[in-house]
Amino acid sequence: MARIAVIGAGTGAMAAAARLAVAGNKVTVYERSASYGGSLGRHEHEGFVFDTGPGLLHLPAVQRDLFVKTGKEPLEQCVTLTQVDPASRHLFADGTTVSLPNASRAGVASALDEALGSGAGERWSGFLERARDAWDRSRRPLLEEPLRADHQVLGRDPYPAVKQRRLLRTRQAATVAEIGAWELADARLAALLDGYALSYGLDPRTAPASAALLPYMEQTFGSWYVVGGMRELARAVYERCLARRVEFVFGAEVIRVVEKDGRAAGVELAGGEVAEADRVVLGARPHADLVPGQQVWGADDVRVRSGAAVPGRFVVLLSLRGGREADAVHRTVVHSADAAAEQEAVFGGRVAEHPTVTVLRPDDPATRPDEAHEAVTLTAVVAPRGRVEWTDPAVRQRFADALVDRAAAAVPGLRERILHMEVRTPAETEAQTGAEGGAVPPPALAGAHGTYLHPGNLTRLPGLYLAGGWSHPGGGLAHAGMSGTLVAGLVVEGDGFRGSR
C-alpha cells in the first residue's frame, strides 16, 4: 500500500484520489480552502441557490466511467442528470434568434436554416463533419493518453480545413476566426463558433482550427444539468472518495513538495508540518515555488499559451421576484454587438464594453425559494485580475450593470425583478481556488505547434504527478476528469501506461 498525497480537492484531483484508493493506496487530500470542489462552487442567499462555476456538463461519459470504476453505485444513482433541451438559444447582434436542440445534428441544421436562411444549416453541418474528422484523428493522443514524449506530433492541426482561393493562392483556415470567415460565410454562424471558443477562454483570432472539437463534443454528446446544481456533482465525487476511505484535510495549504533522494517524498504545509508520502499528485496550477531548486516543468515543457494571460470569469448571481415563464430557455447566449472589440479587450487586458453574456435559468425548484421567484446566473469571459482591477467597487458595479442590461434581452423585465445581486469576479476566483489572477484553464488543443497543450501528467521529478485543469488534457469538467484517470493509470501501472483501451 503506497501513501499518496493529493494537493487540491478539485474534481480532477478527487477523480485521481478515488481511483488510486480503489487500487489499494492510502490517499490523503490536502485542500487550502474549507471545502471540496474547486471551481464547482455554490452560493446561497435567502432560499436562492447558485452555481459559481460551470453550469452544465458535457461529455458525461467521463464521470460515468469514474463511478463505474470506483464503486457499485453508478453516477445516475448518486446525482440526477437531465438533458437540457433546447441546448442553447442564441441572440445575435442583428436581432436574429435561434434555438439549437440538444444532441441533434439534423435538428440543429433545420433550426439554423429556419432562423438564418437556407444553406446555413448545410454549412454548419459540413463544418461539424470536418470537426468529427478532427475528433477521430486526435481524440486518443489528445484526451485519452498521457502526453507523449514526442508531443510535437500534436502540433499539427487535425482539422481538415477546406481549401480556399485567396489572393491568387490557395489557403486553408488555421484559426477559429478563419473558419468562420471562410467556411461558414455568415457573420451569425461565425459568432456562434466564436462563442464556443470564447466560452472556454480561447481567443477565436488565434485559437487553432482544432477548437472545432468543442462545438462538436457539445452537439454530439449533449448538454446536461445536474438537479440541485452542478455543486451536486462535486458532492457526489467527494462522497465517493470518502466511501473509498480517502482522507481529506481542509484548510491545509501546501507550500512545498518535499524531495528526498531525487523523488517526491511528501508535502510541507503552511504551518511547517511535513506529511510524508510515497507519491504526490498536484491538482493545482504548477509553479516553481512548490519544488525549490528542481526544474520540474522547465522551458522545454509544454504549457498554456503564454502570449496573453489566461482569462477568468465575471459572474452575476441574481435573485429575482416573479416566476420563470413557461417557455424560458435554460441557457441563452447574448452575443456581443462588437465581437472584435470584445476579443481585443478580453485578451488585451481591458474591460469589454459589449460583452458576450451567457444567461442560465435552470428550471429547478432546488435553486429558488418557491415558484414565485427565480435564480438567474450571468457569466462573461473577462481579463484576469492584475490586467483589470476587479477589486475596485466601481469597476465591478459598472460591468455587472452592463451584463444585466445585455441579459435583459433574454429575461423579460429583468432589472425590475431584481431582489438581490451578488457579483463574483476573477478576484474571488483567485481567493477561492488559488489560481493566479482568477484564471480558468482552457482545454488542450492540437495544432499551433503545440502551444495550446498543457504540462504532462508526468513531471521530471519521479513520484510527482499533475492532475486537474492545469495539466494534460486541460480545463473543463470532462478534461479535468480525464486527467485524474490518466494520473491513476500512471501511478498504478507505471510510467509506460498509455491509457485504457
Protein backbone atom coordinates (compact mmCIF):
# COMPACT_ATOMS: atom_id res chain seq x y z
CA MET A 1 0.00 0.00 0.00
CA ALA A 2 1.53 3.28 -1.14
CA ARG A 3 0.95 6.57 0.69
CA ILE A 4 -0.25 9.20 -1.76
CA ALA A 5 -0.64 12.91 -1.02
CA VAL A 6 -3.02 14.81 -3.31
CA ILE A 7 -2.77 18.60 -3.39
CA GLY A 8 -6.17 20.18 -4.00
CA ALA A 9 -9.75 18.91 -3.91
CA GLY A 10 -10.93 19.91 -7.38
CA THR A 11 -12.87 17.35 -9.38
CA GLY A 12 -9.83 16.21 -11.37
CA ALA A 13 -7.75 15.69 -8.23
CA MET A 14 -10.63 13.91 -6.48
CA ALA A 15 -11.11 11.66 -9.51
CA ALA A 16 -7.46 10.62 -9.23
CA ALA A 17 -7.83 10.15 -5.45
CA ALA A 18 -10.86 7.87 -5.74
CA ARG A 19 -9.25 5.71 -8.42
CA LEU A 20 -5.98 5.45 -6.50
CA ALA A 21 -7.79 4.48 -3.31
CA VAL A 22 -9.68 1.72 -5.12
CA ALA A 23 -6.30 0.40 -6.28
CA GLY A 24 -5.35 -0.14 -2.63
CA ASN A 25 -3.41 3.03 -1.84
CA LYS A 26 -3.70 5.19 1.27
CA VAL A 27 -4.73 8.58 -0.12
CA THR A 28 -4.83 11.92 1.71
CA VAL A 29 -6.10 15.10 0.05
CA TYR A 30 -4.80 18.46 1.27
CA GLU A 31 -7.06 21.39 0.33
CA ARG A 32 -6.20 25.03 1.08
CA SER A 33 -9.87 26.10 1.33
CA ALA A 34 -12.58 24.93 3.69
CA SER A 35 -14.36 22.68 1.20
CA TYR A 36 -14.04 20.44 -1.85
CA GLY A 37 -14.99 21.00 -5.46
CA GLY A 38 -12.54 23.59 -6.80
CA SER A 39 -14.38 25.61 -9.45
CA LEU A 40 -17.68 23.85 -8.68
CA GLY A 41 -18.70 26.32 -6.01
CA ARG A 42 -22.11 27.23 -4.64
CA HIS A 43 -23.63 30.43 -3.30
CA GLU A 44 -26.83 30.52 -1.24
CA HIS A 45 -28.90 33.56 -0.29
CA GLU A 46 -32.31 33.52 1.37
CA GLY A 47 -33.53 30.39 -0.36
CA PHE A 48 -31.79 31.07 -3.71
CA VAL A 49 -29.01 28.68 -4.77
CA PHE A 50 -26.45 29.37 -7.50
CA ASP A 51 -23.54 27.58 -9.13
CA THR A 52 -20.50 29.84 -9.17
CA GLY A 53 -18.57 27.77 -11.71
CA PRO A 54 -19.59 25.60 -14.67
CA GLY A 55 -23.36 25.43 -15.08
CA LEU A 56 -23.64 22.49 -17.47
CA LEU A 57 -21.96 19.14 -18.02
CA HIS A 58 -20.71 17.96 -21.41
CA LEU A 59 -19.33 14.50 -22.18
CA PRO A 60 -20.85 12.87 -19.05
CA ALA A 61 -19.23 9.56 -20.03
CA VAL A 62 -16.11 10.73 -18.16
CA GLN A 63 -17.98 10.98 -14.85
CA ARG A 64 -19.93 7.80 -15.55
CA ASP A 65 -16.67 5.90 -16.02
CA LEU A 66 -15.33 7.27 -12.74
CA PHE A 67 -18.32 5.99 -10.80
CA VAL A 68 -18.31 2.61 -12.56
CA LYS A 69 -14.61 2.11 -11.77
CA THR A 70 -14.79 3.21 -8.13
CA GLY A 71 -17.94 1.59 -6.71
CA LYS A 72 -21.19 -0.25 -7.18
CA GLU A 73 -23.43 2.82 -7.46
CA PRO A 74 -23.42 4.39 -10.96
CA LEU A 75 -23.39 8.15 -11.47
CA GLU A 76 -27.14 8.36 -12.04
CA GLN A 77 -27.74 6.73 -8.66
CA CYS A 78 -25.71 9.48 -6.98
CA VAL A 79 -26.99 12.53 -8.87
CA THR A 80 -29.92 13.24 -11.18
CA LEU A 81 -28.87 14.23 -14.70
CA THR A 82 -31.28 15.91 -17.09
CA GLN A 83 -30.69 16.80 -20.72
CA VAL A 84 -31.13 20.49 -21.46
CA ASP A 85 -33.41 21.00 -24.46
CA PRO A 86 -33.01 23.23 -26.30
CA ALA A 87 -29.29 23.07 -25.59
CA SER A 88 -28.97 26.81 -26.10
CA ARG A 89 -30.65 29.86 -27.54
CA HIS A 90 -28.56 32.47 -29.34
CA LEU A 91 -29.35 36.16 -29.71
CA PHE A 92 -27.17 37.74 -32.40
CA ALA A 93 -26.23 41.39 -32.82
CA ASP A 94 -28.61 41.87 -35.77
CA GLY A 95 -31.58 40.70 -33.70
CA THR A 96 -31.71 37.18 -35.13
CA THR A 97 -32.61 34.44 -32.64
CA VAL A 98 -32.07 30.69 -32.96
CA SER A 99 -32.66 27.84 -30.51
CA LEU A 100 -30.48 24.76 -31.00
CA PRO A 101 -31.85 21.36 -29.96
CA ASN A 102 -29.80 19.08 -27.74
CA ALA A 103 -27.64 16.40 -29.36
CA SER A 104 -29.43 16.50 -32.71
CA ARG A 105 -27.28 17.36 -35.69
CA ALA A 106 -30.25 17.28 -38.05
CA GLY A 107 -32.30 19.39 -35.65
CA VAL A 108 -29.54 21.98 -35.40
CA ALA A 109 -29.26 22.21 -39.19
CA SER A 110 -33.01 22.66 -39.52
CA ALA A 111 -33.10 25.35 -36.83
CA LEU A 112 -30.25 27.26 -38.46
CA ASP A 113 -31.93 27.12 -41.88
CA GLU A 114 -35.16 28.44 -40.45
CA ALA A 115 -33.55 31.25 -38.47
CA LEU A 116 -30.63 32.28 -40.68
CA GLY A 117 -31.80 31.29 -44.13
CA SER A 118 -31.48 28.33 -46.46
CA GLY A 119 -27.96 26.94 -46.64
CA ALA A 120 -26.90 27.95 -43.12
CA GLY A 121 -27.65 24.50 -41.74
CA GLU A 122 -25.75 22.80 -44.55
CA ARG A 123 -22.66 24.97 -43.99
CA TRP A 124 -22.73 24.29 -40.23
CA SER A 125 -23.27 20.55 -40.81
CA GLY A 126 -20.32 20.46 -43.21
CA PHE A 127 -18.20 22.17 -40.58
CA LEU A 128 -19.25 19.61 -37.95
CA GLU A 129 -18.37 16.77 -40.31
CA ARG A 130 -14.86 18.17 -40.56
CA ALA A 131 -14.84 18.62 -36.79
CA ARG A 132 -15.74 14.95 -36.44
CA ASP A 133 -12.71 14.06 -38.56
CA ALA A 134 -10.56 16.16 -36.25
CA TRP A 135 -12.10 14.36 -33.25
CA ASP A 136 -11.37 10.94 -34.75
CA ARG A 137 -7.78 11.90 -35.56
CA SER A 138 -6.87 13.45 -32.23
CA ARG A 139 -9.19 12.01 -29.59
CA ARG A 140 -6.89 9.32 -28.27
CA PRO A 141 -3.50 11.11 -28.20
CA LEU A 142 -5.08 14.39 -27.09
CA LEU A 143 -7.58 13.20 -24.49
CA GLU A 144 -7.17 9.53 -23.61
CA GLU A 145 -3.40 9.08 -23.35
CA PRO A 146 -0.76 10.71 -21.16
CA LEU A 147 1.10 13.38 -23.08
CA ARG A 148 3.65 11.59 -25.21
CA ALA A 149 7.34 12.35 -25.05
CA ASP A 150 7.10 13.27 -28.73
CA HIS A 151 4.18 15.60 -28.05
CA GLN A 152 5.28 17.66 -31.04
CA VAL A 153 3.11 15.34 -33.17
CA LEU A 154 0.14 17.14 -31.65
CA GLY A 155 1.50 20.38 -33.07
CA ARG A 156 -0.14 19.52 -36.37
CA ASP A 157 -3.75 20.66 -36.60
CA PRO A 158 -6.12 17.70 -37.18
CA TYR A 159 -8.92 19.86 -38.58
CA PRO A 160 -9.26 19.23 -42.36
CA ALA A 161 -9.87 22.82 -43.42
CA VAL A 162 -11.43 23.46 -46.81
CA LYS A 163 -9.00 24.81 -49.39
CA GLN A 164 -9.82 28.40 -50.25
CA ARG A 165 -8.70 30.50 -53.19
CA ARG A 166 -7.44 33.70 -51.53
CA LEU A 167 -5.38 36.46 -53.15
CA LEU A 168 -4.30 34.32 -56.08
CA ARG A 169 -3.20 31.46 -53.86
CA THR A 170 -4.75 28.54 -52.05
CA ARG A 171 -5.16 28.89 -48.30
CA GLN A 172 -6.82 26.91 -45.53
CA ALA A 173 -8.33 28.16 -42.29
CA ALA A 174 -5.83 27.86 -39.44
CA THR A 175 -7.84 29.58 -36.70
CA VAL A 176 -11.39 29.63 -35.39
CA ALA A 177 -11.92 33.10 -36.82
CA GLU A 178 -10.78 31.98 -40.27
CA ILE A 179 -13.17 29.03 -40.22
CA GLY A 180 -15.99 31.47 -39.50
CA ALA A 181 -14.99 33.89 -42.22
CA TRP A 182 -14.01 31.43 -44.95
CA GLU A 183 -16.02 28.26 -44.39
CA LEU A 184 -19.19 29.37 -42.59
CA ALA A 185 -19.54 32.59 -44.61
CA ASP A 186 -22.20 34.09 -42.35
CA ALA A 187 -21.49 36.57 -39.56
CA ARG A 188 -24.01 34.86 -37.28
CA LEU A 189 -22.57 31.37 -37.84
CA ALA A 190 -19.13 32.84 -37.24
CA ALA A 191 -20.39 34.40 -33.99
CA LEU A 192 -21.83 31.03 -32.99
CA LEU A 193 -18.46 29.35 -33.47
CA ASP A 194 -16.54 32.21 -31.86
CA GLY A 195 -18.86 31.93 -28.85
CA TYR A 196 -17.88 28.32 -28.25
CA ALA A 197 -14.18 29.23 -28.27
CA LEU A 198 -14.66 32.30 -26.09
CA SER A 199 -16.70 30.39 -23.51
CA TYR A 200 -13.63 28.22 -22.89
CA GLY A 201 -11.38 31.28 -22.59
CA LEU A 202 -9.90 30.93 -26.08
CA ASP A 203 -9.27 33.83 -28.44
CA PRO A 204 -11.01 33.00 -31.76
CA ARG A 205 -8.44 35.08 -33.62
CA THR A 206 -5.57 32.84 -32.57
CA ALA A 207 -7.11 29.56 -31.33
CA PRO A 208 -6.26 26.77 -33.78
CA ALA A 209 -8.89 25.33 -36.07
CA SER A 210 -8.85 22.18 -33.91
CA ALA A 211 -11.03 24.11 -31.44
CA ALA A 212 -13.82 22.83 -33.70
CA LEU A 213 -13.78 19.86 -31.32
CA LEU A 214 -15.58 21.98 -28.70
CA PRO A 215 -18.89 22.53 -30.53
CA TYR A 216 -18.61 19.01 -31.94
CA MET A 217 -18.43 17.50 -28.45
CA GLU A 218 -21.34 19.55 -27.17
CA GLN A 219 -23.63 18.97 -30.14
CA THR A 220 -22.77 15.27 -30.36
CA PHE A 221 -22.79 14.21 -26.70
CA GLY A 222 -25.27 16.77 -25.43
CA SER A 223 -25.62 19.29 -22.62
CA TRP A 224 -26.61 18.03 -19.20
CA TYR A 225 -27.70 19.69 -15.96
CA VAL A 226 -27.32 18.19 -12.51
CA VAL A 227 -30.51 18.67 -10.50
CA GLY A 228 -29.75 20.77 -7.43
CA GLY A 229 -26.91 22.49 -9.26
CA MET A 230 -23.52 21.39 -10.53
CA ARG A 231 -22.17 21.50 -7.00
CA GLU A 232 -24.08 18.24 -6.51
CA LEU A 233 -21.63 16.55 -8.87
CA ALA A 234 -18.71 17.69 -6.70
CA ARG A 235 -20.57 16.39 -3.64
CA ALA A 236 -21.07 13.00 -5.28
CA VAL A 237 -17.38 12.70 -6.21
CA TYR A 238 -16.37 13.77 -2.70
CA GLU A 239 -18.67 11.18 -1.12
CA ARG A 240 -17.31 8.52 -3.46
CA CYS A 241 -13.83 9.41 -2.22
CA LEU A 242 -14.97 9.11 1.40
CA ALA A 243 -16.56 5.74 0.63
CA ARG A 244 -13.19 4.59 -0.71
CA ARG A 245 -11.56 5.83 2.54
CA VAL A 246 -9.81 8.84 1.08
CA GLU A 247 -8.87 11.23 3.89
CA PHE A 248 -9.42 14.98 3.45
CA VAL A 249 -7.57 17.73 5.32
CA PHE A 250 -9.19 21.13 4.72
CA GLY A 251 -7.59 24.48 5.49
CA ALA A 252 -4.26 22.86 4.67
CA GLU A 253 -2.18 24.92 2.26
CA VAL A 254 0.72 23.04 0.72
CA ILE A 255 3.72 25.32 0.24
CA ARG A 256 6.28 22.78 -0.93
CA VAL A 257 6.63 19.30 -2.36
CA VAL A 258 9.22 17.51 -0.26
CA GLU A 259 12.02 15.96 -2.29
CA LYS A 260 14.26 13.17 -0.97
CA ASP A 261 16.83 11.10 -2.84
CA GLY A 262 15.74 12.57 -6.14
CA ARG A 263 12.00 11.88 -5.90
CA ALA A 264 8.85 13.33 -4.35
CA ALA A 265 8.57 12.22 -0.73
CA GLY A 266 5.69 14.22 0.75
CA VAL A 267 4.33 17.73 1.24
CA GLU A 268 5.08 20.61 3.58
CA LEU A 269 2.12 22.62 4.90
CA ALA A 270 2.00 26.34 5.62
CA GLY A 271 2.22 25.66 9.37
CA GLY A 272 5.50 23.81 8.94
CA GLU A 273 4.10 20.28 9.23
CA VAL A 274 5.54 17.73 6.83
CA ALA A 275 3.38 14.83 5.65
CA GLU A 276 5.44 12.01 4.19
CA ALA A 277 4.21 10.21 1.08
CA ASP A 278 5.47 7.77 -1.50
CA ARG A 279 3.91 9.78 -4.33
CA VAL A 280 2.41 13.25 -4.71
CA VAL A 281 -0.37 14.34 -7.06
CA LEU A 282 -0.58 18.08 -7.70
CA GLY A 283 -4.12 19.13 -8.56
CA ALA A 284 -3.40 22.86 -8.83
CA ARG A 285 -1.55 25.15 -11.22
CA PRO A 286 2.14 24.20 -11.04
CA HIS A 287 4.61 26.88 -10.03
CA ALA A 288 8.32 26.90 -9.27
CA ASP A 289 7.99 27.59 -5.52
CA LEU A 290 6.41 24.18 -4.96
CA VAL A 291 9.61 22.34 -5.81
CA PRO A 292 12.54 24.65 -4.98
CA GLY A 293 15.71 24.02 -6.92
CA GLN A 294 14.09 21.48 -9.25
CA GLN A 295 13.47 22.02 -12.95
CA VAL A 296 10.24 20.02 -12.83
CA TRP A 297 8.43 21.97 -15.54
CA GLY A 298 11.16 23.75 -17.44
CA ALA A 299 11.45 25.74 -20.63
CA ASP A 300 11.03 22.74 -22.91
CA ASP A 301 7.85 21.54 -21.20
CA VAL A 302 4.57 22.34 -22.93
CA ARG A 303 2.31 24.79 -21.18
CA VAL A 304 -0.69 27.02 -21.67
CA ARG A 305 -0.04 29.51 -24.44
CA SER A 306 1.91 32.40 -22.94
CA GLY A 307 1.10 35.15 -25.43
CA ALA A 308 -1.61 36.55 -23.16
CA ALA A 309 -2.80 35.98 -19.63
CA VAL A 310 -5.42 33.26 -19.31
CA PRO A 311 -8.88 34.86 -18.88
CA GLY A 312 -11.22 34.46 -15.94
CA ARG A 313 -14.97 34.68 -15.46
CA PHE A 314 -17.20 37.51 -14.23
CA VAL A 315 -20.39 36.11 -12.68
CA VAL A 316 -23.54 37.92 -11.58
CA LEU A 317 -25.96 35.96 -9.38
CA LEU A 318 -29.49 37.39 -9.47
CA SER A 319 -32.32 36.64 -7.04
CA LEU A 320 -35.49 37.59 -8.91
CA ARG A 321 -39.10 38.15 -7.95
CA GLY A 322 -41.55 36.57 -10.33
CA GLY A 323 -41.63 33.02 -11.63
CA ARG A 324 -39.84 31.61 -14.64
CA GLU A 325 -42.06 31.83 -17.74
CA ALA A 326 -43.17 28.54 -19.27
CA ASP A 327 -41.18 28.97 -22.49
CA ALA A 328 -37.96 30.11 -20.79
CA VAL A 329 -34.73 28.51 -22.02
CA HIS A 330 -32.11 27.08 -19.65
CA ARG A 331 -29.17 28.69 -21.46
CA THR A 332 -29.18 31.79 -23.66
CA VAL A 333 -26.08 33.35 -25.20
CA VAL A 334 -26.41 37.06 -25.94
CA HIS A 335 -23.65 37.65 -28.47
CA SER A 336 -21.57 40.81 -28.49
CA ALA A 337 -22.58 43.72 -30.69
CA ASP A 338 -18.85 44.22 -31.40
CA ALA A 339 -17.07 40.88 -31.22
CA ALA A 340 -13.76 42.25 -32.48
CA ALA A 341 -13.67 44.90 -29.75
CA GLU A 342 -14.65 42.35 -27.11
CA GLN A 343 -11.87 39.97 -28.10
CA GLU A 344 -9.36 42.81 -28.18
CA ALA A 345 -10.42 43.83 -24.67
CA VAL A 346 -10.56 40.39 -23.05
CA PHE A 347 -7.22 39.23 -24.43
CA GLY A 348 -5.63 42.65 -24.24
CA GLY A 349 -6.29 43.10 -20.53
CA ARG A 350 -9.18 45.57 -20.59
CA VAL A 351 -12.89 45.67 -19.74
CA ALA A 352 -15.12 44.94 -22.74
CA GLU A 353 -17.87 47.46 -23.42
CA HIS A 354 -20.09 44.96 -25.26
CA PRO A 355 -19.51 41.57 -23.61
CA THR A 356 -20.98 38.28 -24.72
CA VAL A 357 -23.22 37.14 -21.87
CA THR A 358 -24.35 33.62 -21.06
CA VAL A 359 -27.64 33.56 -19.17
CA LEU A 360 -28.51 30.44 -17.15
CA ARG A 361 -32.09 29.95 -15.98
CA PRO A 362 -32.40 26.39 -14.62
CA ASP A 363 -35.94 25.07 -14.18
CA ASP A 364 -35.02 23.57 -10.81
CA PRO A 365 -37.08 24.07 -7.63
CA ALA A 366 -33.91 23.47 -5.60
CA THR A 367 -32.48 26.79 -6.82
CA ARG A 368 -35.32 29.08 -5.64
CA PRO A 369 -37.44 29.57 -2.52
CA ASP A 370 -40.73 28.95 -4.38
CA GLU A 371 -42.39 29.15 -7.80
CA ALA A 372 -42.87 32.91 -7.43
CA HIS A 373 -39.10 33.51 -7.64
CA GLU A 374 -36.23 32.65 -9.95
CA ALA A 375 -32.45 32.28 -9.67
CA VAL A 376 -30.54 33.52 -12.73
CA THR A 377 -26.78 33.46 -13.38
CA LEU A 378 -24.99 35.73 -15.85
CA THR A 379 -21.45 34.93 -16.97
CA ALA A 380 -18.89 36.69 -19.18
CA VAL A 381 -15.29 35.82 -20.04
CA VAL A 382 -13.01 38.62 -18.89
CA ALA A 383 -9.37 39.55 -18.47
CA PRO A 384 -7.85 38.18 -15.24
CA ARG A 385 -7.19 40.12 -12.07
CA GLY A 386 -3.98 42.04 -12.46
CA ARG A 387 -4.84 43.05 -16.00
CA VAL A 388 -8.10 44.55 -14.69
CA GLU A 389 -8.52 45.70 -11.10
CA TRP A 390 -11.59 43.62 -10.29
CA THR A 391 -11.42 44.57 -6.61
CA ASP A 392 -12.40 48.16 -7.49
CA PRO A 393 -16.11 48.55 -6.48
CA ALA A 394 -16.81 50.99 -9.31
CA VAL A 395 -15.32 48.70 -11.96
CA ARG A 396 -17.24 45.73 -10.60
CA GLN A 397 -20.56 47.58 -10.49
CA ARG A 398 -20.24 49.09 -13.97
CA PHE A 399 -19.51 45.74 -15.54
CA ALA A 400 -22.25 43.98 -13.56
CA ASP A 401 -24.71 46.61 -14.78
CA ALA A 402 -23.53 46.08 -18.34
CA LEU A 403 -24.20 42.34 -18.04
CA VAL A 404 -27.67 42.94 -16.61
CA ASP A 405 -28.51 45.37 -19.41
CA ARG A 406 -27.46 42.88 -22.07
CA ALA A 407 -29.13 39.92 -20.35
CA ALA A 408 -32.44 41.81 -20.33
CA ALA A 409 -32.85 40.65 -23.94
CA ALA A 410 -33.14 37.10 -22.61
CA VAL A 411 -35.07 37.66 -19.36
CA PRO A 412 -38.27 39.73 -19.56
CA GLY A 413 -38.34 42.68 -17.14
CA LEU A 414 -35.02 41.64 -15.68
CA ARG A 415 -33.86 44.80 -13.91
CA GLU A 416 -37.23 45.48 -12.30
CA ARG A 417 -37.35 41.92 -10.91
CA ILE A 418 -34.01 42.02 -9.07
CA LEU A 419 -34.25 41.43 -5.33
CA HIS A 420 -30.58 40.80 -4.71
CA MET A 421 -27.39 40.83 -6.78
CA GLU A 422 -24.15 39.04 -5.92
CA VAL A 423 -21.03 39.68 -8.01
CA ARG A 424 -18.08 37.32 -8.33
CA THR A 425 -15.02 38.30 -10.33
CA PRO A 426 -11.61 36.75 -11.06
CA ALA A 427 -10.53 38.25 -7.72
CA GLU A 428 -12.97 35.95 -5.88
CA THR A 429 -11.94 33.01 -8.07
CA GLU A 430 -8.31 33.59 -7.14
CA ALA A 431 -9.17 33.73 -3.44
CA GLN A 432 -11.28 30.56 -3.64
CA THR A 433 -9.13 28.36 -5.86
CA GLY A 434 -5.67 29.90 -5.62
CA ALA A 435 -5.44 30.23 -9.41
CA GLU A 436 -3.28 33.26 -10.22
CA GLY A 437 -5.43 36.15 -11.40
CA GLY A 438 -8.55 34.02 -11.10
CA ALA A 439 -7.68 32.43 -14.44
CA VAL A 440 -9.74 29.48 -15.67
CA PRO A 441 -7.71 26.91 -17.65
CA PRO A 442 -8.83 26.20 -21.22
CA PRO A 443 -8.90 22.71 -22.68
CA ALA A 444 -5.84 21.42 -24.51
CA LEU A 445 -5.90 21.70 -28.30
CA ALA A 446 -3.80 20.13 -31.01
CA GLY A 447 -2.24 22.37 -33.64
CA ALA A 448 -0.48 25.74 -33.38
CA HIS A 449 2.84 23.89 -32.93
CA GLY A 450 1.74 22.55 -29.54
CA THR A 451 1.32 25.93 -27.85
CA TYR A 452 -2.20 25.05 -26.68
CA LEU A 453 -1.10 21.90 -24.86
CA HIS A 454 -0.70 21.69 -21.08
CA PRO A 455 2.08 20.22 -18.92
CA GLY A 456 2.07 16.42 -18.99
CA ASN A 457 0.80 14.32 -16.09
CA LEU A 458 4.32 13.01 -15.53
CA THR A 459 6.91 15.50 -14.27
CA ARG A 460 10.69 15.44 -14.24
CA LEU A 461 10.63 14.71 -10.52
CA PRO A 462 9.91 10.98 -10.07
CA GLY A 463 6.87 10.40 -7.90
CA LEU A 464 5.25 13.78 -8.69
CA TYR A 465 2.20 13.81 -10.99
CA LEU A 466 -0.09 16.55 -12.31
CA ALA A 467 -3.90 16.29 -12.37
CA GLY A 468 -6.72 18.77 -12.94
CA GLY A 469 -7.39 21.54 -15.41
CA TRP A 470 -3.87 22.97 -15.40
CA SER A 471 -2.39 19.72 -16.67
CA HIS A 472 -2.93 17.50 -19.69
CA PRO A 473 -5.56 17.43 -21.23
CA GLY A 474 -6.62 20.80 -19.83
CA GLY A 475 -9.58 22.63 -18.36
CA GLY A 476 -13.30 21.86 -18.27
CA LEU A 477 -15.07 19.22 -16.21
CA ALA A 478 -14.63 16.44 -18.75
CA HIS A 479 -10.97 17.21 -19.42
CA ALA A 480 -10.12 17.52 -15.73
CA GLY A 481 -11.79 14.17 -15.08
CA MET A 482 -9.70 12.63 -17.85
CA SER A 483 -6.54 13.92 -16.19
CA GLY A 484 -7.50 12.09 -12.99
CA THR A 485 -7.92 8.88 -14.97
CA LEU A 486 -4.51 9.29 -16.59
CA VAL A 487 -2.70 10.03 -13.32
CA ALA A 488 -4.25 6.98 -11.64
CA GLY A 489 -3.16 4.83 -14.57
CA LEU A 490 0.40 6.16 -14.43
CA VAL A 491 0.68 5.56 -10.67
CA VAL A 492 -0.86 2.09 -10.72
CA GLU A 493 0.58 0.74 -13.98
CA GLY A 494 3.80 2.73 -14.18
CA ASP A 495 5.22 5.39 -16.45
CA GLY A 496 4.60 3.22 -19.50
CA PHE A 497 0.82 3.47 -19.12
CA ARG A 498 -0.73 4.55 -22.43
CA GLY A 499 -4.40 4.89 -21.47
CA SER A 500 -7.33 2.48 -21.30
CA ARG A 501 -8.37 0.72 -24.46
